[in-house]
Amino acid sequence: MSQKRYKDLNLTPPEEGFELYRYKNAQEMTTRGWSGLYWVRKNEAGDCEIRTVTKKGEGYSYPEGVFSKVAFERYYEKAD
């Protein structure tokens, strides 16, 4: 992951167990200022809980929802 591109983001996980993922087509989107990054943690059923990645000093990460593993893997990939 380009540290320069994401230098203004809060890349500290919001809680234990969260990993950083990226929307697969984020670079093709024209949404200004959107990183395409999300915090993801699998629950007991194997589904994926998604939370926002915020900018530094912008507040706290908040829940975006829960996706089935199959639906999640179709659109997101682990960020490197």
N, C-alpha and C. Protein backbone atom coordinates (compact mmCIF):
# COMPACT_ATOMS: atom_id res chain seq x y z
N MET A 1 0.84 -1.18 0.00
CA MET A 1 0.00 0.00 0.00
C MET A 1 0.89 1.24 0.00
N SER A 2 0.55 2.18 -0.81
CA SER A 2 1.32 3.42 -0.89
C SER A 2 1.11 4.26 0.37
N GLN A 3 2.16 4.40 1.16
CA GLN A 3 2.05 5.20 2.38
C GLN A 3 1.76 6.66 2.07
N LYS A 4 2.28 7.16 0.96
CA LYS A 4 2.04 8.56 0.59
C LYS A 4 0.55 8.79 0.29
N ARG A 5 -0.06 7.87 -0.43
CA ARG A 5 -1.47 8.01 -0.81
C ARG A 5 -2.39 8.00 0.41
N TYR A 6 -2.03 7.21 1.43
CA TYR A 6 -2.89 7.03 2.59
C TYR A 6 -2.34 7.72 3.84
N LYS A 7 -1.43 8.67 3.67
CA LYS A 7 -0.76 9.28 4.82
C LYS A 7 -1.71 10.02 5.76
N ASP A 8 -2.84 10.50 5.28
CA ASP A 8 -3.76 11.25 6.13
C ASP A 8 -4.85 10.39 6.75
N LEU A 9 -4.77 9.06 6.55
CA LEU A 9 -5.79 8.16 7.08
C LEU A 9 -5.39 7.59 8.44
N ASN A 10 -6.37 7.30 9.25
CA ASN A 10 -6.13 6.65 10.53
C ASN A 10 -6.10 5.14 10.27
N LEU A 11 -4.90 4.58 10.21
CA LEU A 11 -4.74 3.17 9.88
C LEU A 11 -4.53 2.30 11.12
N THR A 12 -5.08 2.76 12.25
CA THR A 12 -5.08 1.98 13.48
C THR A 12 -6.41 1.25 13.55
N PRO A 13 -6.41 -0.09 13.66
CA PRO A 13 -7.68 -0.83 13.71
C PRO A 13 -8.58 -0.31 14.82
N PRO A 14 -9.91 -0.24 14.57
CA PRO A 14 -10.83 0.30 15.55
C PRO A 14 -11.00 -0.59 16.78
N GLU A 15 -10.84 -1.90 16.61
CA GLU A 15 -10.96 -2.88 17.68
C GLU A 15 -10.11 -4.09 17.32
N GLU A 16 -9.95 -4.97 18.26
CA GLU A 16 -9.18 -6.19 18.04
C GLU A 16 -9.84 -7.05 16.96
N GLY A 17 -9.02 -7.66 16.13
CA GLY A 17 -9.51 -8.59 15.13
C GLY A 17 -9.80 -7.98 13.76
N PHE A 18 -9.73 -6.66 13.64
CA PHE A 18 -9.99 -6.03 12.34
C PHE A 18 -8.74 -6.02 11.48
N GLU A 19 -8.95 -6.26 10.18
CA GLU A 19 -7.87 -6.20 9.19
C GLU A 19 -8.28 -5.22 8.10
N LEU A 20 -7.29 -4.69 7.41
CA LEU A 20 -7.54 -3.68 6.39
C LEU A 20 -7.81 -4.33 5.03
N TYR A 21 -8.93 -3.94 4.42
CA TYR A 21 -9.30 -4.42 3.08
C TYR A 21 -9.58 -3.24 2.19
N ARG A 22 -9.54 -3.51 0.88
CA ARG A 22 -9.75 -2.46 -0.12
C ARG A 22 -10.82 -2.91 -1.11
N TYR A 23 -11.66 -1.99 -1.51
CA TYR A 23 -12.62 -2.24 -2.58
C TYR A 23 -11.81 -2.50 -3.85
N LYS A 24 -12.10 -3.61 -4.55
CA LYS A 24 -11.28 -4.03 -5.69
C LYS A 24 -11.17 -3.00 -6.80
N ASN A 25 -12.22 -2.25 -7.05
CA ASN A 25 -12.22 -1.28 -8.15
C ASN A 25 -12.11 0.17 -7.67
N ALA A 26 -11.50 0.37 -6.51
CA ALA A 26 -11.44 1.71 -5.92
C ALA A 26 -10.75 2.72 -6.84
N GLN A 27 -9.72 2.30 -7.55
CA GLN A 27 -8.98 3.25 -8.39
C GLN A 27 -9.79 3.70 -9.60
N GLU A 28 -10.79 2.92 -9.98
CA GLU A 28 -11.63 3.27 -11.13
C GLU A 28 -12.79 4.18 -10.73
N MET A 29 -13.04 4.31 -9.44
CA MET A 29 -14.15 5.14 -8.97
C MET A 29 -13.75 6.62 -9.07
N THR A 30 -14.72 7.46 -9.28
CA THR A 30 -14.46 8.89 -9.42
C THR A 30 -14.84 9.68 -8.17
N THR A 31 -15.14 8.96 -7.09
CA THR A 31 -15.50 9.62 -5.84
C THR A 31 -14.29 10.33 -5.26
N ARG A 32 -14.35 11.61 -5.13
CA ARG A 32 -13.22 12.41 -4.65
C ARG A 32 -12.97 12.17 -3.17
N GLY A 33 -11.72 11.91 -2.81
CA GLY A 33 -11.33 11.75 -1.43
C GLY A 33 -11.63 10.40 -0.81
N TRP A 34 -12.13 9.44 -1.59
CA TRP A 34 -12.48 8.12 -1.07
C TRP A 34 -11.30 7.19 -1.25
N SER A 35 -10.86 6.57 -0.17
CA SER A 35 -9.69 5.69 -0.23
C SER A 35 -10.04 4.29 -0.71
N GLY A 36 -11.28 3.88 -0.54
CA GLY A 36 -11.68 2.51 -0.89
C GLY A 36 -11.29 1.51 0.18
N LEU A 37 -10.78 1.99 1.32
CA LEU A 37 -10.34 1.11 2.40
C LEU A 37 -11.42 0.93 3.46
N TYR A 38 -11.46 -0.28 4.02
CA TYR A 38 -12.40 -0.60 5.08
C TYR A 38 -11.73 -1.51 6.09
N TRP A 39 -12.17 -1.42 7.34
CA TRP A 39 -11.77 -2.37 8.37
C TRP A 39 -12.75 -3.52 8.34
N VAL A 40 -12.22 -4.75 8.39
CA VAL A 40 -13.08 -5.92 8.29
C VAL A 40 -12.69 -6.93 9.37
N ARG A 41 -13.75 -7.53 9.96
CA ARG A 41 -13.55 -8.59 10.95
C ARG A 41 -14.62 -9.64 10.71
N LYS A 42 -14.20 -10.90 10.70
CA LYS A 42 -15.16 -11.99 10.51
C LYS A 42 -15.82 -12.32 11.83
N ASN A 43 -17.14 -12.54 11.78
CA ASN A 43 -17.88 -12.90 12.99
C ASN A 43 -17.93 -14.42 13.13
N GLU A 44 -18.63 -14.91 14.15
CA GLU A 44 -18.69 -16.35 14.42
C GLU A 44 -19.27 -17.15 13.27
N ALA A 45 -20.17 -16.57 12.49
CA ALA A 45 -20.79 -17.25 11.35
C ALA A 45 -19.92 -17.20 10.11
N GLY A 46 -18.80 -16.47 10.16
CA GLY A 46 -17.92 -16.33 9.01
C GLY A 46 -18.26 -15.15 8.12
N ASP A 47 -19.29 -14.39 8.50
CA ASP A 47 -19.64 -13.19 7.75
C ASP A 47 -18.68 -12.06 8.11
N CYS A 48 -18.68 -11.02 7.30
CA CYS A 48 -17.70 -9.94 7.45
C CYS A 48 -18.34 -8.66 7.95
N GLU A 49 -17.92 -8.21 9.12
CA GLU A 49 -18.34 -6.93 9.69
C GLU A 49 -17.43 -5.85 9.11
N ILE A 50 -18.02 -4.82 8.54
CA ILE A 50 -17.25 -3.78 7.87
C ILE A 50 -17.39 -2.46 8.62
N ARG A 51 -16.27 -1.76 8.78
CA ARG A 51 -16.25 -0.43 9.41
C ARG A 51 -15.46 0.52 8.53
N THR A 52 -15.75 1.79 8.64
CA THR A 52 -15.08 2.80 7.84
C THR A 52 -13.63 3.01 8.27
N VAL A 53 -12.84 3.49 7.34
CA VAL A 53 -11.50 4.01 7.64
C VAL A 53 -11.64 5.52 7.57
N THR A 54 -11.28 6.20 8.65
CA THR A 54 -11.43 7.65 8.69
C THR A 54 -10.09 8.35 8.52
N LYS A 55 -10.15 9.64 8.27
CA LYS A 55 -8.94 10.45 8.22
C LYS A 55 -8.48 10.72 9.64
N LYS A 56 -7.20 10.99 9.82
CA LYS A 56 -6.67 11.32 11.14
C LYS A 56 -7.41 12.52 11.70
N GLY A 57 -7.80 12.43 12.97
CA GLY A 57 -8.48 13.52 13.63
C GLY A 57 -9.93 13.71 13.23
N GLU A 58 -10.48 12.79 12.47
CA GLU A 58 -11.84 12.94 11.94
C GLU A 58 -12.90 12.25 12.81
N GLY A 59 -12.50 11.59 13.85
CA GLY A 59 -13.47 10.89 14.69
C GLY A 59 -13.21 9.40 14.67
N TYR A 60 -14.26 8.67 14.98
CA TYR A 60 -14.12 7.23 15.13
C TYR A 60 -14.69 6.47 13.94
N SER A 61 -14.13 5.30 13.70
CA SER A 61 -14.64 4.40 12.68
C SER A 61 -16.05 3.97 13.08
N TYR A 62 -16.96 3.87 12.11
CA TYR A 62 -18.32 3.45 12.44
C TYR A 62 -18.75 2.29 11.54
N PRO A 63 -19.69 1.46 12.03
CA PRO A 63 -20.13 0.28 11.28
C PRO A 63 -20.78 0.63 9.95
N GLU A 64 -20.47 -0.17 8.94
CA GLU A 64 -21.07 -0.03 7.61
C GLU A 64 -22.02 -1.18 7.31
N GLY A 65 -21.95 -2.25 8.10
CA GLY A 65 -22.85 -3.38 7.88
C GLY A 65 -22.12 -4.71 7.96
N VAL A 66 -22.86 -5.78 7.67
CA VAL A 66 -22.32 -7.14 7.67
C VAL A 66 -22.62 -7.76 6.32
N PHE A 67 -21.59 -8.34 5.70
CA PHE A 67 -21.73 -8.98 4.40
C PHE A 67 -21.45 -10.47 4.55
N SER A 68 -22.11 -11.29 3.74
CA SER A 68 -21.75 -12.71 3.71
C SER A 68 -20.33 -12.81 3.14
N LYS A 69 -19.64 -13.87 3.49
CA LYS A 69 -18.26 -14.06 3.02
C LYS A 69 -18.21 -14.06 1.49
N VAL A 70 -19.16 -14.74 0.85
CA VAL A 70 -19.18 -14.83 -0.62
C VAL A 70 -19.35 -13.46 -1.26
N ALA A 71 -20.32 -12.69 -0.78
CA ALA A 71 -20.56 -11.35 -1.33
C ALA A 71 -19.36 -10.44 -1.07
N PHE A 72 -18.81 -10.53 0.12
CA PHE A 72 -17.67 -9.68 0.48
C PHE A 72 -16.48 -9.95 -0.43
N GLU A 73 -16.12 -11.22 -0.62
CA GLU A 73 -14.94 -11.57 -1.41
C GLU A 73 -15.10 -11.22 -2.89
N ARG A 74 -16.33 -11.01 -3.33
CA ARG A 74 -16.56 -10.62 -4.71
C ARG A 74 -16.08 -9.19 -4.97
N TYR A 75 -16.16 -8.33 -3.96
CA TYR A 75 -15.88 -6.92 -4.15
C TYR A 75 -14.65 -6.36 -3.41
N TYR A 76 -14.13 -7.13 -2.45
CA TYR A 76 -13.03 -6.60 -1.62
C TYR A 76 -11.84 -7.55 -1.60
N GLU A 77 -10.65 -6.98 -1.38
CA GLU A 77 -9.43 -7.77 -1.26
C GLU A 77 -8.60 -7.22 -0.11
N LYS A 78 -7.79 -8.08 0.48
CA LYS A 78 -6.96 -7.65 1.59
C LYS A 78 -5.95 -6.62 1.11
N ALA A 79 -5.83 -5.53 1.84
CA ALA A 79 -4.86 -4.48 1.49
C ALA A 79 -3.48 -4.92 1.92
N ASP A 80 -2.49 -4.60 1.11
CA ASP A 80 -1.11 -4.98 1.44
C ASP A 80 -0.37 -3.86 2.10
